Amino acid sequence: MEGEHEVEPVRIRIELSGPGDVGEDTRDLCAWLRRTLNSREHASVRLLPDPTGGADPTDGAAADARTEADGAAYGPVEGIDLALGHGFAALNLAMSYASWRAARPTSPAVTLTGRHGSVTVHDGSAEDIRRIVTALEGNAATGGGHRP
């Protein structure tokens, strides 16, 4: 319509860290978010290929990751890129994360970075859900914080 402007999508980057196969956990979380967020609202969820191909960036042997048409990497991944459209609620993303975490309790730490800052969460608790919503809505200072 005339007079209306297109709303920029909310962009969020998600990275996993810790012991174990972080790449496999990242792929699993990406698939989970695709199922849960796409069914609720307009969202683009894609894997970010590791530009080094998983190689040591100092050894000059970086490999290209193979990609599908939608950008999902088969090779090493760096993280997840979310572009969430109009009507996005931070609580939807927080609840999707918590349900994924409940299905995979040994998964690594997850860092979500949006325009208002970053938050690192560890277990999908009510406190982690609150911290995600607060960080993504920009209501308070965020930070890594460690939960035992």
N, C-alpha and C. Protein backbone atom coordinates (compact mmCIF):
# COMPACT_ATOMS: atom_id res chain seq x y z
N MET A 1 0.83 -1.18 0.00
CA MET A 1 0.00 0.00 0.00
C MET A 1 0.87 1.24 0.00
N GLU A 2 0.29 2.34 -0.51
CA GLU A 2 1.02 3.60 -0.53
C GLU A 2 1.23 4.10 0.89
N GLY A 3 2.39 4.71 1.12
CA GLY A 3 2.66 5.25 2.43
C GLY A 3 3.25 4.27 3.42
N GLU A 4 3.14 2.97 3.12
CA GLU A 4 3.73 1.97 4.01
C GLU A 4 5.13 1.65 3.51
N HIS A 5 6.00 1.36 4.42
CA HIS A 5 7.35 0.98 4.04
C HIS A 5 7.60 -0.46 4.49
N GLU A 6 8.52 -1.08 3.79
CA GLU A 6 8.84 -2.46 4.10
C GLU A 6 9.62 -2.54 5.40
N VAL A 7 9.23 -3.43 6.28
CA VAL A 7 9.88 -3.58 7.58
C VAL A 7 11.10 -4.48 7.41
N GLU A 8 12.22 -4.03 7.94
CA GLU A 8 13.44 -4.82 7.89
C GLU A 8 13.26 -6.08 8.74
N PRO A 9 13.77 -7.22 8.26
CA PRO A 9 13.68 -8.42 9.09
C PRO A 9 14.58 -8.30 10.32
N VAL A 10 14.21 -9.01 11.36
CA VAL A 10 15.05 -9.11 12.55
C VAL A 10 16.11 -10.16 12.25
N ARG A 11 17.38 -9.78 12.32
CA ARG A 11 18.47 -10.69 12.02
C ARG A 11 19.12 -11.15 13.32
N ILE A 12 19.30 -12.45 13.42
CA ILE A 12 19.91 -13.04 14.61
C ILE A 12 20.92 -14.07 14.15
N ARG A 13 22.09 -14.05 14.77
CA ARG A 13 23.13 -15.04 14.48
C ARG A 13 23.22 -15.95 15.70
N ILE A 14 23.30 -17.26 15.43
CA ILE A 14 23.40 -18.23 16.51
C ILE A 14 24.68 -19.04 16.30
N GLU A 15 25.47 -19.15 17.36
CA GLU A 15 26.69 -19.95 17.32
C GLU A 15 26.71 -20.88 18.52
N LEU A 16 27.19 -22.09 18.30
CA LEU A 16 27.32 -23.07 19.37
C LEU A 16 28.79 -23.25 19.68
N SER A 17 29.08 -23.53 20.94
CA SER A 17 30.47 -23.75 21.35
C SER A 17 30.52 -24.77 22.46
N GLY A 18 31.64 -25.46 22.52
CA GLY A 18 31.83 -26.43 23.59
C GLY A 18 32.40 -27.72 23.06
N PRO A 19 32.48 -28.72 23.92
CA PRO A 19 33.04 -30.00 23.52
C PRO A 19 32.05 -30.78 22.63
N GLY A 20 32.56 -31.78 21.98
CA GLY A 20 31.69 -32.63 21.16
C GLY A 20 31.60 -32.12 19.74
N ASP A 21 30.64 -32.64 18.99
CA ASP A 21 30.47 -32.29 17.59
C ASP A 21 29.55 -31.08 17.47
N VAL A 22 30.14 -29.89 17.59
CA VAL A 22 29.37 -28.65 17.54
C VAL A 22 28.71 -28.50 16.18
N GLY A 23 29.36 -28.94 15.11
CA GLY A 23 28.79 -28.85 13.77
C GLY A 23 27.51 -29.65 13.65
N GLU A 24 27.50 -30.85 14.20
CA GLU A 24 26.29 -31.68 14.16
C GLU A 24 25.19 -31.06 14.99
N ASP A 25 25.53 -30.53 16.16
CA ASP A 25 24.53 -29.86 17.00
C ASP A 25 23.98 -28.61 16.30
N THR A 26 24.85 -27.87 15.60
CA THR A 26 24.42 -26.68 14.86
C THR A 26 23.43 -27.06 13.76
N ARG A 27 23.76 -28.12 13.01
CA ARG A 27 22.84 -28.58 11.96
C ARG A 27 21.50 -29.01 12.56
N ASP A 28 21.55 -29.70 13.69
CA ASP A 28 20.33 -30.17 14.34
C ASP A 28 19.47 -28.99 14.81
N LEU A 29 20.09 -27.99 15.44
CA LEU A 29 19.35 -26.82 15.89
C LEU A 29 18.76 -26.07 14.69
N CYS A 30 19.50 -25.96 13.61
CA CYS A 30 19.00 -25.29 12.41
C CYS A 30 17.75 -25.99 11.89
N ALA A 31 17.80 -27.31 11.79
CA ALA A 31 16.63 -28.07 11.32
C ALA A 31 15.45 -27.88 12.27
N TRP A 32 15.72 -27.89 13.57
CA TRP A 32 14.67 -27.71 14.58
C TRP A 32 14.01 -26.34 14.41
N LEU A 33 14.83 -25.28 14.25
CA LEU A 33 14.29 -23.94 14.09
C LEU A 33 13.50 -23.81 12.80
N ARG A 34 13.97 -24.45 11.74
CA ARG A 34 13.20 -24.42 10.48
C ARG A 34 11.81 -25.00 10.68
N ARG A 35 11.73 -26.10 11.40
CA ARG A 35 10.42 -26.73 11.64
C ARG A 35 9.54 -25.88 12.54
N THR A 36 10.10 -25.36 13.61
CA THR A 36 9.27 -24.68 14.60
C THR A 36 8.98 -23.23 14.25
N LEU A 37 9.95 -22.49 13.71
CA LEU A 37 9.72 -21.08 13.41
C LEU A 37 8.96 -20.88 12.11
N ASN A 38 9.27 -21.67 11.09
CA ASN A 38 8.58 -21.50 9.81
C ASN A 38 7.11 -21.81 9.90
N SER A 39 6.74 -22.69 10.82
CA SER A 39 5.33 -23.03 10.94
C SER A 39 4.55 -21.94 11.68
N ARG A 40 5.23 -21.04 12.36
CA ARG A 40 4.55 -20.02 13.15
C ARG A 40 4.53 -18.65 12.48
N GLU A 41 5.56 -18.34 11.71
CA GLU A 41 5.65 -17.02 11.09
C GLU A 41 6.69 -17.06 9.99
N HIS A 42 6.77 -15.99 9.25
CA HIS A 42 7.73 -15.92 8.16
C HIS A 42 9.14 -15.85 8.73
N ALA A 43 9.97 -16.82 8.37
CA ALA A 43 11.35 -16.84 8.86
C ALA A 43 12.25 -17.47 7.82
N SER A 44 13.47 -16.97 7.75
CA SER A 44 14.51 -17.58 6.94
C SER A 44 15.56 -18.11 7.91
N VAL A 45 15.80 -19.41 7.86
CA VAL A 45 16.76 -20.05 8.76
C VAL A 45 17.77 -20.78 7.89
N ARG A 46 19.05 -20.38 7.99
CA ARG A 46 20.05 -21.05 7.16
C ARG A 46 21.37 -21.22 7.91
N LEU A 47 22.08 -22.27 7.52
CA LEU A 47 23.40 -22.52 8.07
C LEU A 47 24.40 -21.57 7.45
N LEU A 48 25.37 -21.15 8.23
CA LEU A 48 26.48 -20.35 7.73
C LEU A 48 27.69 -21.26 7.58
N PRO A 49 28.15 -21.48 6.34
CA PRO A 49 29.31 -22.34 6.17
C PRO A 49 30.55 -21.73 6.82
N ASP A 50 31.39 -22.58 7.36
CA ASP A 50 32.67 -22.14 7.92
C ASP A 50 33.56 -21.75 6.74
N PRO A 51 33.97 -20.47 6.65
CA PRO A 51 34.76 -20.05 5.50
C PRO A 51 36.11 -20.75 5.40
N THR A 52 36.59 -21.31 6.50
CA THR A 52 37.87 -22.02 6.45
C THR A 52 37.68 -23.48 6.09
N GLY A 53 36.43 -23.93 5.98
CA GLY A 53 36.18 -25.34 5.68
C GLY A 53 36.58 -26.23 6.84
N GLY A 54 36.70 -25.67 8.04
CA GLY A 54 37.09 -26.44 9.20
C GLY A 54 38.60 -26.54 9.35
N ALA A 55 39.33 -25.96 8.40
CA ALA A 55 40.79 -26.02 8.46
C ALA A 55 41.32 -24.92 9.37
N ASP A 56 42.54 -25.10 9.84
CA ASP A 56 43.21 -24.07 10.62
C ASP A 56 43.41 -22.87 9.69
N PRO A 57 42.83 -21.70 10.00
CA PRO A 57 42.93 -20.56 9.09
C PRO A 57 44.36 -20.08 8.88
N THR A 58 45.29 -20.49 9.70
CA THR A 58 46.67 -20.05 9.54
C THR A 58 47.48 -20.98 8.63
N ASP A 59 46.92 -22.14 8.23
CA ASP A 59 47.73 -23.06 7.43
C ASP A 59 47.50 -22.91 5.92
N GLY A 60 46.61 -22.00 5.51
CA GLY A 60 46.40 -21.76 4.09
C GLY A 60 45.66 -22.87 3.37
N ALA A 61 45.09 -23.82 4.09
CA ALA A 61 44.44 -24.97 3.45
C ALA A 61 42.92 -24.93 3.62
N ALA A 62 42.34 -23.73 3.59
CA ALA A 62 40.89 -23.62 3.76
C ALA A 62 40.19 -24.29 2.58
N ALA A 63 39.14 -25.03 2.89
CA ALA A 63 38.37 -25.73 1.86
C ALA A 63 37.00 -25.10 1.72
N ASP A 64 36.45 -25.14 0.51
CA ASP A 64 35.10 -24.63 0.29
C ASP A 64 34.09 -25.64 0.76
N ALA A 65 33.05 -25.16 1.46
CA ALA A 65 31.97 -26.04 1.90
C ALA A 65 30.98 -26.22 0.75
N ARG A 66 30.52 -27.45 0.55
CA ARG A 66 29.48 -27.69 -0.45
C ARG A 66 28.18 -27.16 0.10
N THR A 67 27.36 -26.55 -0.77
CA THR A 67 26.10 -25.99 -0.30
C THR A 67 24.94 -26.45 -1.17
N GLU A 68 23.78 -26.49 -0.54
CA GLU A 68 22.54 -26.75 -1.26
C GLU A 68 22.05 -25.43 -1.84
N ALA A 69 20.99 -25.47 -2.62
CA ALA A 69 20.43 -24.26 -3.20
C ALA A 69 20.01 -23.26 -2.13
N ASP A 70 19.56 -23.73 -0.97
CA ASP A 70 19.11 -22.81 0.07
C ASP A 70 20.25 -22.36 0.98
N GLY A 71 21.48 -22.75 0.67
CA GLY A 71 22.61 -22.28 1.44
C GLY A 71 22.99 -23.16 2.62
N ALA A 72 22.30 -24.27 2.83
CA ALA A 72 22.65 -25.15 3.94
C ALA A 72 23.95 -25.87 3.61
N ALA A 73 24.88 -25.82 4.51
CA ALA A 73 26.19 -26.40 4.26
C ALA A 73 26.24 -27.87 4.62
N TYR A 74 26.91 -28.65 3.76
CA TYR A 74 27.18 -30.04 4.08
C TYR A 74 28.51 -30.15 4.83
N GLY A 75 29.40 -29.21 4.58
CA GLY A 75 30.71 -29.23 5.21
C GLY A 75 30.65 -28.56 6.58
N PRO A 76 31.81 -28.16 7.10
CA PRO A 76 31.86 -27.50 8.41
C PRO A 76 31.00 -26.23 8.42
N VAL A 77 30.34 -26.00 9.55
CA VAL A 77 29.48 -24.83 9.66
C VAL A 77 29.98 -23.91 10.76
N GLU A 78 29.70 -22.62 10.58
CA GLU A 78 30.12 -21.61 11.55
C GLU A 78 28.98 -21.25 12.49
N GLY A 79 27.75 -21.29 11.99
CA GLY A 79 26.63 -20.89 12.82
C GLY A 79 25.33 -20.93 12.02
N ILE A 80 24.33 -20.25 12.56
CA ILE A 80 23.01 -20.17 11.96
C ILE A 80 22.64 -18.70 11.80
N ASP A 81 22.07 -18.37 10.65
CA ASP A 81 21.59 -17.02 10.40
C ASP A 81 20.07 -17.07 10.34
N LEU A 82 19.42 -16.23 11.15
CA LEU A 82 17.96 -16.13 11.15
C LEU A 82 17.57 -14.75 10.64
N ALA A 83 16.60 -14.71 9.76
CA ALA A 83 15.98 -13.46 9.35
C ALA A 83 14.50 -13.65 9.62
N LEU A 84 14.00 -12.98 10.63
CA LEU A 84 12.63 -13.17 11.09
C LEU A 84 11.79 -11.95 10.73
N GLY A 85 10.68 -12.20 10.07
CA GLY A 85 9.85 -11.13 9.55
C GLY A 85 8.91 -10.52 10.56
N HIS A 86 8.03 -9.69 10.04
CA HIS A 86 7.04 -8.97 10.82
C HIS A 86 6.25 -9.95 11.69
N GLY A 87 5.99 -9.58 12.90
CA GLY A 87 5.23 -10.43 13.81
C GLY A 87 6.12 -11.34 14.64
N PHE A 88 7.43 -11.25 14.45
CA PHE A 88 8.35 -12.07 15.23
C PHE A 88 8.23 -11.74 16.70
N ALA A 89 8.20 -12.77 17.50
CA ALA A 89 8.22 -12.60 18.95
C ALA A 89 9.44 -13.33 19.49
N ALA A 90 10.24 -12.62 20.27
CA ALA A 90 11.44 -13.22 20.85
C ALA A 90 11.08 -14.46 21.65
N LEU A 91 9.91 -14.46 22.26
CA LEU A 91 9.50 -15.61 23.05
C LEU A 91 9.35 -16.86 22.19
N ASN A 92 8.91 -16.72 20.93
CA ASN A 92 8.82 -17.89 20.04
C ASN A 92 10.18 -18.54 19.84
N LEU A 93 11.19 -17.72 19.59
CA LEU A 93 12.54 -18.24 19.40
C LEU A 93 13.05 -18.86 20.70
N ALA A 94 12.84 -18.19 21.82
CA ALA A 94 13.29 -18.71 23.11
C ALA A 94 12.64 -20.05 23.43
N MET A 95 11.36 -20.18 23.14
CA MET A 95 10.66 -21.45 23.40
C MET A 95 11.13 -22.55 22.44
N SER A 96 11.42 -22.19 21.19
CA SER A 96 11.96 -23.19 20.25
C SER A 96 13.31 -23.70 20.74
N TYR A 97 14.16 -22.76 21.20
CA TYR A 97 15.46 -23.15 21.75
C TYR A 97 15.27 -24.08 22.96
N ALA A 98 14.38 -23.71 23.87
CA ALA A 98 14.18 -24.51 25.09
C ALA A 98 13.67 -25.91 24.76
N SER A 99 12.77 -26.03 23.79
CA SER A 99 12.28 -27.37 23.43
C SER A 99 13.38 -28.19 22.75
N TRP A 100 14.22 -27.54 21.94
CA TRP A 100 15.36 -28.25 21.33
C TRP A 100 16.32 -28.71 22.43
N ARG A 101 16.61 -27.83 23.37
CA ARG A 101 17.54 -28.16 24.46
C ARG A 101 17.01 -29.33 25.28
N ALA A 102 15.70 -29.37 25.53
CA ALA A 102 15.10 -30.46 26.30
C ALA A 102 15.27 -31.79 25.58
N ALA A 103 15.27 -31.76 24.25
CA ALA A 103 15.44 -32.99 23.46
C ALA A 103 16.92 -33.40 23.36
N ARG A 104 17.84 -32.46 23.62
CA ARG A 104 19.28 -32.71 23.53
C ARG A 104 19.98 -32.08 24.73
N PRO A 105 19.80 -32.64 25.90
CA PRO A 105 20.32 -31.98 27.12
C PRO A 105 21.84 -31.86 27.20
N THR A 106 22.59 -32.59 26.40
CA THR A 106 24.05 -32.49 26.48
C THR A 106 24.63 -31.57 25.43
N SER A 107 23.82 -30.79 24.78
CA SER A 107 24.29 -29.89 23.73
C SER A 107 25.16 -28.77 24.29
N PRO A 108 25.98 -28.17 23.44
CA PRO A 108 26.89 -27.11 23.89
C PRO A 108 26.17 -25.80 24.18
N ALA A 109 26.95 -24.84 24.66
CA ALA A 109 26.43 -23.49 24.90
C ALA A 109 25.99 -22.88 23.58
N VAL A 110 24.95 -22.05 23.65
CA VAL A 110 24.41 -21.39 22.46
C VAL A 110 24.46 -19.89 22.68
N THR A 111 25.06 -19.17 21.71
CA THR A 111 25.13 -17.71 21.77
C THR A 111 24.25 -17.14 20.68
N LEU A 112 23.32 -16.27 21.06
CA LEU A 112 22.43 -15.59 20.13
C LEU A 112 22.85 -14.13 20.07
N THR A 113 23.05 -13.61 18.87
CA THR A 113 23.47 -12.23 18.70
C THR A 113 22.48 -11.51 17.80
N GLY A 114 21.90 -10.45 18.31
CA GLY A 114 20.98 -9.62 17.55
C GLY A 114 21.45 -8.19 17.58
N ARG A 115 20.62 -7.28 17.12
CA ARG A 115 21.03 -5.87 17.04
C ARG A 115 21.22 -5.22 18.41
N HIS A 116 20.67 -5.82 19.45
CA HIS A 116 20.78 -5.25 20.80
C HIS A 116 21.89 -5.88 21.63
N GLY A 117 22.60 -6.86 21.08
CA GLY A 117 23.67 -7.48 21.83
C GLY A 117 23.61 -8.99 21.74
N SER A 118 24.36 -9.65 22.61
CA SER A 118 24.47 -11.11 22.61
C SER A 118 24.12 -11.67 23.97
N VAL A 119 23.70 -12.93 23.95
CA VAL A 119 23.45 -13.66 25.18
C VAL A 119 23.87 -15.11 24.94
N THR A 120 24.54 -15.69 25.92
CA THR A 120 24.92 -17.10 25.85
C THR A 120 24.09 -17.86 26.88
N VAL A 121 23.46 -18.93 26.41
CA VAL A 121 22.60 -19.74 27.28
C VAL A 121 23.11 -21.17 27.29
N HIS A 122 22.76 -21.89 28.37
CA HIS A 122 23.37 -23.20 28.58
C HIS A 122 22.41 -24.36 28.77
N ASP A 123 21.16 -24.09 29.20
CA ASP A 123 20.35 -25.25 29.56
C ASP A 123 18.87 -25.19 29.22
N GLY A 124 18.36 -24.11 28.69
CA GLY A 124 16.95 -24.05 28.35
C GLY A 124 16.03 -23.82 29.54
N SER A 125 16.59 -23.38 30.64
CA SER A 125 15.80 -23.12 31.85
C SER A 125 14.90 -21.90 31.65
N ALA A 126 14.01 -21.68 32.60
CA ALA A 126 13.16 -20.49 32.56
C ALA A 126 14.02 -19.22 32.57
N GLU A 127 15.12 -19.25 33.31
CA GLU A 127 16.04 -18.11 33.35
C GLU A 127 16.67 -17.88 31.98
N ASP A 128 17.08 -18.95 31.28
CA ASP A 128 17.65 -18.81 29.93
C ASP A 128 16.62 -18.24 28.96
N ILE A 129 15.38 -18.70 29.07
CA ILE A 129 14.32 -18.17 28.20
C ILE A 129 14.14 -16.67 28.44
N ARG A 130 14.12 -16.28 29.71
CA ARG A 130 13.99 -14.87 30.05
C ARG A 130 15.16 -14.06 29.49
N ARG A 131 16.38 -14.59 29.62
CA ARG A 131 17.57 -13.89 29.13
C ARG A 131 17.54 -13.72 27.61
N ILE A 132 17.06 -14.74 26.89
CA ILE A 132 16.96 -14.65 25.43
C ILE A 132 15.97 -13.55 25.04
N VAL A 133 14.80 -13.57 25.65
CA VAL A 133 13.79 -12.57 25.33
C VAL A 133 14.30 -11.17 25.65
N THR A 134 14.91 -11.00 26.81
CA THR A 134 15.45 -9.70 27.21
C THR A 134 16.51 -9.22 26.22
N ALA A 135 17.43 -10.11 25.83
CA ALA A 135 18.49 -9.72 24.90
C ALA A 135 17.95 -9.36 23.53
N LEU A 136 17.03 -10.15 23.01
CA LEU A 136 16.53 -9.91 21.66
C LEU A 136 15.60 -8.71 21.58
N GLU A 137 14.93 -8.41 22.67
CA GLU A 137 14.06 -7.24 22.68
C GLU A 137 14.80 -5.98 23.10
N GLY A 138 16.05 -6.13 23.57
CA GLY A 138 16.86 -4.98 23.93
C GLY A 138 16.42 -4.27 25.19
N ASN A 139 15.83 -5.00 26.13
CA ASN A 139 15.30 -4.38 27.35
C ASN A 139 16.33 -4.19 28.45
N ALA A 140 17.47 -4.86 28.34
CA ALA A 140 18.47 -4.74 29.40
C ALA A 140 19.81 -5.15 28.85
N ALA A 141 20.84 -4.84 29.61
CA ALA A 141 22.18 -5.27 29.22
C ALA A 141 22.22 -6.79 29.21
N THR A 142 22.98 -7.32 28.27
CA THR A 142 23.11 -8.76 28.15
C THR A 142 24.55 -9.15 28.40
N GLY A 143 24.78 -10.42 28.38
CA GLY A 143 26.14 -10.88 28.54
C GLY A 143 26.15 -12.38 28.60
N GLY A 144 27.34 -12.91 28.57
CA GLY A 144 27.49 -14.36 28.55
C GLY A 144 26.93 -15.00 29.79
N GLY A 145 27.38 -14.55 30.91
CA GLY A 145 26.93 -15.17 32.16
C GLY A 145 27.10 -16.68 32.10
N HIS A 146 27.47 -17.28 33.16
CA HIS A 146 27.64 -18.74 33.14
C HIS A 146 26.67 -19.36 34.13
N ARG A 147 26.02 -20.38 33.67
CA ARG A 147 25.11 -21.15 34.54
C ARG A 147 25.76 -22.47 34.79
N PRO A 148 25.86 -22.89 36.02
CA PRO A 148 26.48 -24.19 36.32
C PRO A 148 25.71 -25.34 35.72
